[in-house]
Amino acid sequence: MNALSAKDMPIRTKRIYEDEARTDGYRVLVDRLWPRGVRKEDAGIDLWLKSAAPSTELRKWFNHDPVKWTEFRERFQAELDERDEPLAPVREKLDAGETVTLLYASRDLEHNHALVLADILSENK
């Protein structure tokens, strides 16, 4: 995480394995599968938004290969465009002025679908 305050950064991304923080705000898990080793009662999530995750096929194709990052972003955006507004619950929180933290399990902090979702939500603010 960077040092910006929650006010400066209403959309955040964070690994679900990191400790929950007061500054997280509304915590949304955006993975299709439940993260290994995390107990649901200990996760501290407000919403599990499976519909905002990449398809199984896209996730397997990408396999967190940085070489495929640009194409992954394009393909994922196209998938989201075909769905019936999967980010609506998150947009509502952002429109209400709440900080939202998108949680993901990926080890790759620079090439993951939560970053794509955060960019999409930021562009539409």
N, C-alpha and C. Protein backbone atom coordinates (compact mmCIF):
# COMPACT_ATOMS: atom_id res chain seq x y z
N MET A 1 0.85 -1.19 0.00
CA MET A 1 0.00 0.00 0.00
C MET A 1 0.88 1.24 0.00
N ASN A 2 0.40 2.28 -0.62
CA ASN A 2 1.18 3.50 -0.58
C ASN A 2 0.72 4.37 0.59
N ALA A 3 1.35 5.51 0.77
CA ALA A 3 1.12 6.32 1.96
C ALA A 3 -0.04 7.31 1.82
N LEU A 4 -0.81 7.25 0.74
CA LEU A 4 -1.94 8.17 0.61
C LEU A 4 -2.99 7.86 1.67
N SER A 5 -3.69 8.88 2.09
CA SER A 5 -4.76 8.68 3.06
C SER A 5 -5.96 8.05 2.36
N ALA A 6 -6.88 7.50 3.13
CA ALA A 6 -8.09 6.90 2.57
C ALA A 6 -8.87 7.92 1.76
N LYS A 7 -8.85 9.17 2.20
CA LYS A 7 -9.57 10.23 1.49
C LYS A 7 -9.00 10.44 0.09
N ASP A 8 -7.66 10.32 -0.04
CA ASP A 8 -7.01 10.51 -1.33
C ASP A 8 -7.13 9.28 -2.22
N MET A 9 -7.46 8.15 -1.64
CA MET A 9 -7.44 6.90 -2.38
C MET A 9 -8.66 6.06 -2.01
N PRO A 10 -9.84 6.36 -2.55
CA PRO A 10 -11.04 5.64 -2.14
C PRO A 10 -11.10 4.20 -2.64
N ILE A 11 -10.30 3.85 -3.65
CA ILE A 11 -10.25 2.48 -4.14
C ILE A 11 -8.86 1.94 -3.87
N ARG A 12 -8.80 0.86 -3.13
CA ARG A 12 -7.53 0.25 -2.80
C ARG A 12 -7.54 -1.20 -3.24
N THR A 13 -6.37 -1.78 -3.36
CA THR A 13 -6.24 -3.21 -3.59
C THR A 13 -5.33 -3.77 -2.51
N LYS A 14 -5.60 -5.02 -2.13
CA LYS A 14 -4.85 -5.60 -1.03
C LYS A 14 -4.99 -7.12 -1.07
N ARG A 15 -3.93 -7.82 -0.75
CA ARG A 15 -4.02 -9.27 -0.65
C ARG A 15 -4.88 -9.63 0.56
N ILE A 16 -5.71 -10.62 0.41
CA ILE A 16 -6.58 -11.04 1.50
C ILE A 16 -5.78 -11.57 2.68
N TYR A 17 -4.55 -11.96 2.44
CA TYR A 17 -3.69 -12.51 3.49
C TYR A 17 -3.09 -11.43 4.38
N GLU A 18 -3.19 -10.17 3.97
CA GLU A 18 -2.72 -9.07 4.80
C GLU A 18 -3.73 -8.80 5.91
N ASP A 19 -3.24 -8.26 7.01
CA ASP A 19 -4.12 -7.96 8.14
C ASP A 19 -5.17 -6.92 7.74
N GLU A 20 -6.35 -7.09 8.29
CA GLU A 20 -7.42 -6.12 8.11
C GLU A 20 -7.04 -4.82 8.82
N ALA A 21 -7.37 -3.70 8.20
CA ALA A 21 -7.06 -2.39 8.78
C ALA A 21 -8.31 -1.53 8.81
N ARG A 22 -8.38 -0.64 9.77
CA ARG A 22 -9.53 0.28 9.86
C ARG A 22 -9.67 1.10 8.59
N THR A 23 -8.55 1.43 7.97
CA THR A 23 -8.57 2.26 6.78
C THR A 23 -9.02 1.52 5.52
N ASP A 24 -9.27 0.21 5.62
CA ASP A 24 -9.72 -0.57 4.46
C ASP A 24 -11.11 -0.15 3.99
N GLY A 25 -11.92 0.31 4.90
CA GLY A 25 -13.29 0.64 4.54
C GLY A 25 -14.08 -0.61 4.20
N TYR A 26 -14.83 -0.55 3.13
CA TYR A 26 -15.68 -1.65 2.67
C TYR A 26 -14.79 -2.66 1.95
N ARG A 27 -14.71 -3.86 2.49
CA ARG A 27 -13.79 -4.89 1.98
C ARG A 27 -14.53 -5.86 1.07
N VAL A 28 -14.04 -5.95 -0.19
CA VAL A 28 -14.70 -6.77 -1.20
C VAL A 28 -13.71 -7.79 -1.76
N LEU A 29 -14.02 -9.06 -1.57
CA LEU A 29 -13.22 -10.12 -2.18
C LEU A 29 -13.65 -10.26 -3.63
N VAL A 30 -12.71 -10.14 -4.56
CA VAL A 30 -13.03 -10.17 -5.98
C VAL A 30 -12.45 -11.40 -6.69
N ASP A 31 -12.28 -12.47 -5.95
CA ASP A 31 -11.83 -13.73 -6.53
C ASP A 31 -13.01 -14.66 -6.72
N ARG A 32 -12.96 -15.47 -7.76
CA ARG A 32 -14.01 -16.44 -8.03
C ARG A 32 -13.95 -17.60 -7.04
N LEU A 33 -12.73 -17.97 -6.64
CA LEU A 33 -12.53 -19.07 -5.69
C LEU A 33 -12.16 -18.51 -4.32
N TRP A 34 -12.59 -19.19 -3.28
CA TRP A 34 -12.23 -18.76 -1.93
C TRP A 34 -10.73 -18.98 -1.73
N PRO A 35 -10.01 -18.02 -1.15
CA PRO A 35 -8.56 -18.14 -0.97
C PRO A 35 -8.17 -19.26 0.00
N ARG A 36 -7.18 -19.99 -0.39
CA ARG A 36 -6.68 -21.10 0.45
C ARG A 36 -6.17 -20.58 1.77
N GLY A 37 -6.48 -21.32 2.81
CA GLY A 37 -5.95 -21.02 4.13
C GLY A 37 -6.62 -19.88 4.86
N VAL A 38 -7.68 -19.32 4.30
CA VAL A 38 -8.39 -18.21 4.94
C VAL A 38 -9.75 -18.71 5.40
N ARG A 39 -9.99 -18.61 6.69
CA ARG A 39 -11.30 -19.00 7.22
C ARG A 39 -12.30 -17.89 6.96
N LYS A 40 -13.47 -18.26 6.50
CA LYS A 40 -14.48 -17.25 6.16
C LYS A 40 -14.80 -16.35 7.34
N GLU A 41 -14.86 -16.91 8.52
CA GLU A 41 -15.19 -16.11 9.70
C GLU A 41 -14.05 -15.16 10.10
N ASP A 42 -12.84 -15.41 9.60
CA ASP A 42 -11.70 -14.55 9.92
C ASP A 42 -11.33 -13.58 8.80
N ALA A 43 -12.01 -13.66 7.66
CA ALA A 43 -11.62 -12.89 6.48
C ALA A 43 -11.93 -11.41 6.60
N GLY A 44 -12.94 -11.06 7.36
CA GLY A 44 -13.29 -9.64 7.51
C GLY A 44 -13.76 -9.00 6.21
N ILE A 45 -14.50 -9.75 5.42
CA ILE A 45 -14.99 -9.17 4.17
C ILE A 45 -16.44 -8.73 4.34
N ASP A 46 -16.80 -7.71 3.60
CA ASP A 46 -18.18 -7.22 3.59
C ASP A 46 -18.97 -7.82 2.43
N LEU A 47 -18.25 -8.20 1.36
CA LEU A 47 -18.92 -8.72 0.17
C LEU A 47 -17.95 -9.62 -0.57
N TRP A 48 -18.46 -10.76 -1.04
CA TRP A 48 -17.69 -11.64 -1.93
C TRP A 48 -18.31 -11.47 -3.30
N LEU A 49 -17.63 -10.79 -4.19
CA LEU A 49 -18.15 -10.43 -5.50
C LEU A 49 -17.51 -11.32 -6.57
N LYS A 50 -17.93 -12.57 -6.62
CA LYS A 50 -17.39 -13.53 -7.58
C LYS A 50 -17.59 -13.07 -9.02
N SER A 51 -18.71 -12.39 -9.26
CA SER A 51 -19.05 -11.97 -10.63
C SER A 51 -18.08 -10.95 -11.20
N ALA A 52 -17.23 -10.36 -10.37
CA ALA A 52 -16.26 -9.38 -10.84
C ALA A 52 -14.90 -10.01 -11.13
N ALA A 53 -14.79 -11.32 -10.98
CA ALA A 53 -13.53 -12.01 -11.21
C ALA A 53 -13.43 -12.48 -12.66
N PRO A 54 -12.22 -12.68 -13.14
CA PRO A 54 -12.07 -13.21 -14.50
C PRO A 54 -12.65 -14.63 -14.59
N SER A 55 -13.05 -15.01 -15.80
CA SER A 55 -13.52 -16.37 -16.00
C SER A 55 -12.39 -17.35 -15.70
N THR A 56 -12.76 -18.57 -15.42
CA THR A 56 -11.76 -19.60 -15.16
C THR A 56 -10.83 -19.74 -16.35
N GLU A 57 -11.38 -19.70 -17.55
CA GLU A 57 -10.57 -19.84 -18.76
C GLU A 57 -9.54 -18.71 -18.88
N LEU A 58 -9.99 -17.48 -18.65
CA LEU A 58 -9.08 -16.35 -18.75
C LEU A 58 -8.02 -16.40 -17.66
N ARG A 59 -8.43 -16.74 -16.46
CA ARG A 59 -7.47 -16.83 -15.34
C ARG A 59 -6.39 -17.86 -15.63
N LYS A 60 -6.80 -19.02 -16.15
CA LYS A 60 -5.82 -20.08 -16.45
C LYS A 60 -4.92 -19.67 -17.62
N TRP A 61 -5.50 -19.02 -18.64
CA TRP A 61 -4.69 -18.58 -19.77
C TRP A 61 -3.63 -17.58 -19.31
N PHE A 62 -4.04 -16.62 -18.50
CA PHE A 62 -3.12 -15.57 -18.04
C PHE A 62 -2.03 -16.15 -17.15
N ASN A 63 -2.40 -16.91 -16.14
CA ASN A 63 -1.46 -17.56 -15.24
C ASN A 63 -0.42 -16.57 -14.67
N HIS A 64 -0.80 -15.32 -14.50
CA HIS A 64 0.05 -14.26 -13.94
C HIS A 64 1.37 -14.10 -14.69
N ASP A 65 1.30 -14.27 -15.99
CA ASP A 65 2.47 -14.10 -16.86
C ASP A 65 2.55 -12.62 -17.26
N PRO A 66 3.55 -11.90 -16.77
CA PRO A 66 3.66 -10.47 -17.08
C PRO A 66 3.68 -10.17 -18.58
N VAL A 67 4.15 -11.09 -19.39
CA VAL A 67 4.18 -10.90 -20.83
C VAL A 67 2.76 -10.79 -21.39
N LYS A 68 1.81 -11.46 -20.74
CA LYS A 68 0.42 -11.46 -21.20
C LYS A 68 -0.43 -10.36 -20.55
N TRP A 69 0.18 -9.51 -19.73
CA TRP A 69 -0.56 -8.54 -18.93
C TRP A 69 -1.45 -7.61 -19.76
N THR A 70 -0.90 -7.01 -20.79
CA THR A 70 -1.69 -6.08 -21.60
C THR A 70 -2.87 -6.78 -22.25
N GLU A 71 -2.64 -7.95 -22.81
CA GLU A 71 -3.73 -8.68 -23.44
C GLU A 71 -4.74 -9.17 -22.39
N PHE A 72 -4.24 -9.55 -21.22
CA PHE A 72 -5.16 -9.96 -20.15
C PHE A 72 -6.11 -8.82 -19.78
N ARG A 73 -5.55 -7.63 -19.62
CA ARG A 73 -6.37 -6.47 -19.27
C ARG A 73 -7.47 -6.25 -20.31
N GLU A 74 -7.12 -6.35 -21.57
CA GLU A 74 -8.10 -6.17 -22.65
C GLU A 74 -9.17 -7.25 -22.62
N ARG A 75 -8.73 -8.49 -22.49
CA ARG A 75 -9.69 -9.61 -22.46
C ARG A 75 -10.60 -9.53 -21.23
N PHE A 76 -10.03 -9.16 -20.10
CA PHE A 76 -10.83 -9.06 -18.88
C PHE A 76 -11.85 -7.93 -19.00
N GLN A 77 -11.43 -6.81 -19.54
CA GLN A 77 -12.36 -5.69 -19.77
C GLN A 77 -13.50 -6.13 -20.68
N ALA A 78 -13.19 -6.89 -21.72
CA ALA A 78 -14.22 -7.38 -22.64
C ALA A 78 -15.19 -8.32 -21.91
N GLU A 79 -14.65 -9.17 -21.05
CA GLU A 79 -15.53 -10.04 -20.25
C GLU A 79 -16.47 -9.22 -19.37
N LEU A 80 -15.93 -8.23 -18.71
CA LEU A 80 -16.74 -7.40 -17.83
C LEU A 80 -17.82 -6.66 -18.61
N ASP A 81 -17.48 -6.22 -19.80
CA ASP A 81 -18.45 -5.50 -20.64
C ASP A 81 -19.64 -6.38 -21.02
N GLU A 82 -19.42 -7.69 -21.07
CA GLU A 82 -20.49 -8.63 -21.43
C GLU A 82 -21.38 -8.98 -20.24
N ARG A 83 -20.96 -8.67 -19.05
CA ARG A 83 -21.73 -9.00 -17.85
C ARG A 83 -22.67 -7.86 -17.47
N ASP A 84 -23.67 -8.19 -16.69
CA ASP A 84 -24.66 -7.21 -16.26
C ASP A 84 -24.15 -6.44 -15.04
N GLU A 85 -23.34 -5.41 -15.28
CA GLU A 85 -22.80 -4.51 -14.26
C GLU A 85 -22.35 -5.21 -12.98
N PRO A 86 -21.29 -6.03 -13.06
CA PRO A 86 -20.83 -6.75 -11.87
C PRO A 86 -20.27 -5.85 -10.77
N LEU A 87 -19.92 -4.61 -11.11
CA LEU A 87 -19.31 -3.72 -10.12
C LEU A 87 -20.31 -2.77 -9.46
N ALA A 88 -21.58 -2.94 -9.74
CA ALA A 88 -22.61 -2.04 -9.19
C ALA A 88 -22.55 -1.88 -7.67
N PRO A 89 -22.41 -2.97 -6.90
CA PRO A 89 -22.37 -2.79 -5.43
C PRO A 89 -21.16 -1.97 -4.97
N VAL A 90 -20.06 -2.10 -5.69
CA VAL A 90 -18.86 -1.33 -5.34
C VAL A 90 -19.05 0.13 -5.73
N ARG A 91 -19.61 0.37 -6.89
CA ARG A 91 -19.86 1.75 -7.34
C ARG A 91 -20.77 2.49 -6.35
N GLU A 92 -21.76 1.78 -5.81
CA GLU A 92 -22.67 2.40 -4.82
C GLU A 92 -21.90 2.88 -3.61
N LYS A 93 -20.98 2.08 -3.12
CA LYS A 93 -20.18 2.47 -1.95
C LYS A 93 -19.28 3.66 -2.29
N LEU A 94 -18.66 3.62 -3.46
CA LEU A 94 -17.80 4.73 -3.86
C LEU A 94 -18.60 6.01 -4.04
N ASP A 95 -19.79 5.89 -4.65
CA ASP A 95 -20.65 7.06 -4.84
C ASP A 95 -21.09 7.66 -3.51
N ALA A 96 -21.17 6.82 -2.48
CA ALA A 96 -21.54 7.28 -1.14
C ALA A 96 -20.34 7.85 -0.39
N GLY A 97 -19.17 7.86 -1.05
CA GLY A 97 -17.98 8.43 -0.43
C GLY A 97 -17.18 7.48 0.44
N GLU A 98 -17.49 6.21 0.37
CA GLU A 98 -16.78 5.23 1.19
C GLU A 98 -15.50 4.76 0.51
N THR A 99 -14.52 4.41 1.31
CA THR A 99 -13.32 3.77 0.82
C THR A 99 -13.65 2.31 0.57
N VAL A 100 -13.17 1.77 -0.53
CA VAL A 100 -13.39 0.38 -0.88
C VAL A 100 -12.03 -0.28 -1.09
N THR A 101 -11.83 -1.44 -0.48
CA THR A 101 -10.62 -2.22 -0.70
C THR A 101 -10.99 -3.51 -1.41
N LEU A 102 -10.40 -3.68 -2.60
CA LEU A 102 -10.61 -4.89 -3.38
C LEU A 102 -9.58 -5.92 -2.95
N LEU A 103 -10.05 -7.05 -2.45
CA LEU A 103 -9.19 -8.09 -1.91
C LEU A 103 -9.00 -9.20 -2.94
N TYR A 104 -7.78 -9.71 -3.02
CA TYR A 104 -7.45 -10.78 -3.95
C TYR A 104 -6.42 -11.70 -3.31
N ALA A 105 -6.26 -12.90 -3.86
CA ALA A 105 -5.33 -13.87 -3.29
C ALA A 105 -4.01 -13.96 -4.04
N SER A 106 -3.93 -13.44 -5.23
CA SER A 106 -2.73 -13.56 -6.06
C SER A 106 -1.48 -13.10 -5.32
N ARG A 107 -0.39 -13.79 -5.59
CA ARG A 107 0.90 -13.37 -5.02
C ARG A 107 1.51 -12.21 -5.80
N ASP A 108 1.10 -12.09 -7.05
CA ASP A 108 1.64 -11.05 -7.93
C ASP A 108 0.95 -9.73 -7.63
N LEU A 109 1.68 -8.80 -7.05
CA LEU A 109 1.11 -7.52 -6.65
C LEU A 109 0.97 -6.53 -7.81
N GLU A 110 1.64 -6.80 -8.93
CA GLU A 110 1.65 -5.86 -10.05
C GLU A 110 0.82 -6.32 -11.25
N HIS A 111 0.44 -7.60 -11.27
CA HIS A 111 -0.28 -8.15 -12.42
C HIS A 111 -1.43 -9.01 -11.91
N ASN A 112 -2.50 -8.38 -11.48
CA ASN A 112 -3.65 -9.13 -11.00
C ASN A 112 -4.94 -8.40 -11.36
N HIS A 113 -6.01 -9.15 -11.37
CA HIS A 113 -7.29 -8.61 -11.83
C HIS A 113 -7.85 -7.51 -10.93
N ALA A 114 -7.50 -7.49 -9.66
CA ALA A 114 -7.98 -6.43 -8.76
C ALA A 114 -7.47 -5.07 -9.22
N LEU A 115 -6.27 -5.01 -9.75
CA LEU A 115 -5.73 -3.76 -10.27
C LEU A 115 -6.52 -3.27 -11.47
N VAL A 116 -6.93 -4.22 -12.32
CA VAL A 116 -7.75 -3.86 -13.48
C VAL A 116 -9.08 -3.30 -13.01
N LEU A 117 -9.69 -3.97 -12.04
CA LEU A 117 -10.98 -3.50 -11.50
C LEU A 117 -10.82 -2.12 -10.88
N ALA A 118 -9.76 -1.89 -10.13
CA ALA A 118 -9.53 -0.58 -9.50
C ALA A 118 -9.39 0.50 -10.57
N ASP A 119 -8.69 0.19 -11.66
CA ASP A 119 -8.54 1.16 -12.76
C ASP A 119 -9.90 1.47 -13.37
N ILE A 120 -10.68 0.46 -13.62
CA ILE A 120 -12.02 0.66 -14.21
C ILE A 120 -12.88 1.53 -13.31
N LEU A 121 -12.86 1.24 -12.02
CA LEU A 121 -13.67 2.01 -11.07
C LEU A 121 -13.16 3.45 -10.96
N SER A 122 -11.87 3.65 -11.01
CA SER A 122 -11.28 4.99 -10.95
C SER A 122 -11.62 5.82 -12.17
N GLU A 123 -11.61 5.18 -13.33
CA GLU A 123 -11.91 5.88 -14.57
C GLU A 123 -13.35 6.35 -14.62
N ASN A 124 -14.21 5.61 -13.98
CA ASN A 124 -15.64 5.93 -14.03
C ASN A 124 -16.10 6.81 -12.88
N LYS A 125 -15.18 7.33 -12.10
CA LYS A 125 -15.56 8.20 -10.97
C LYS A 125 -15.80 9.60 -11.45
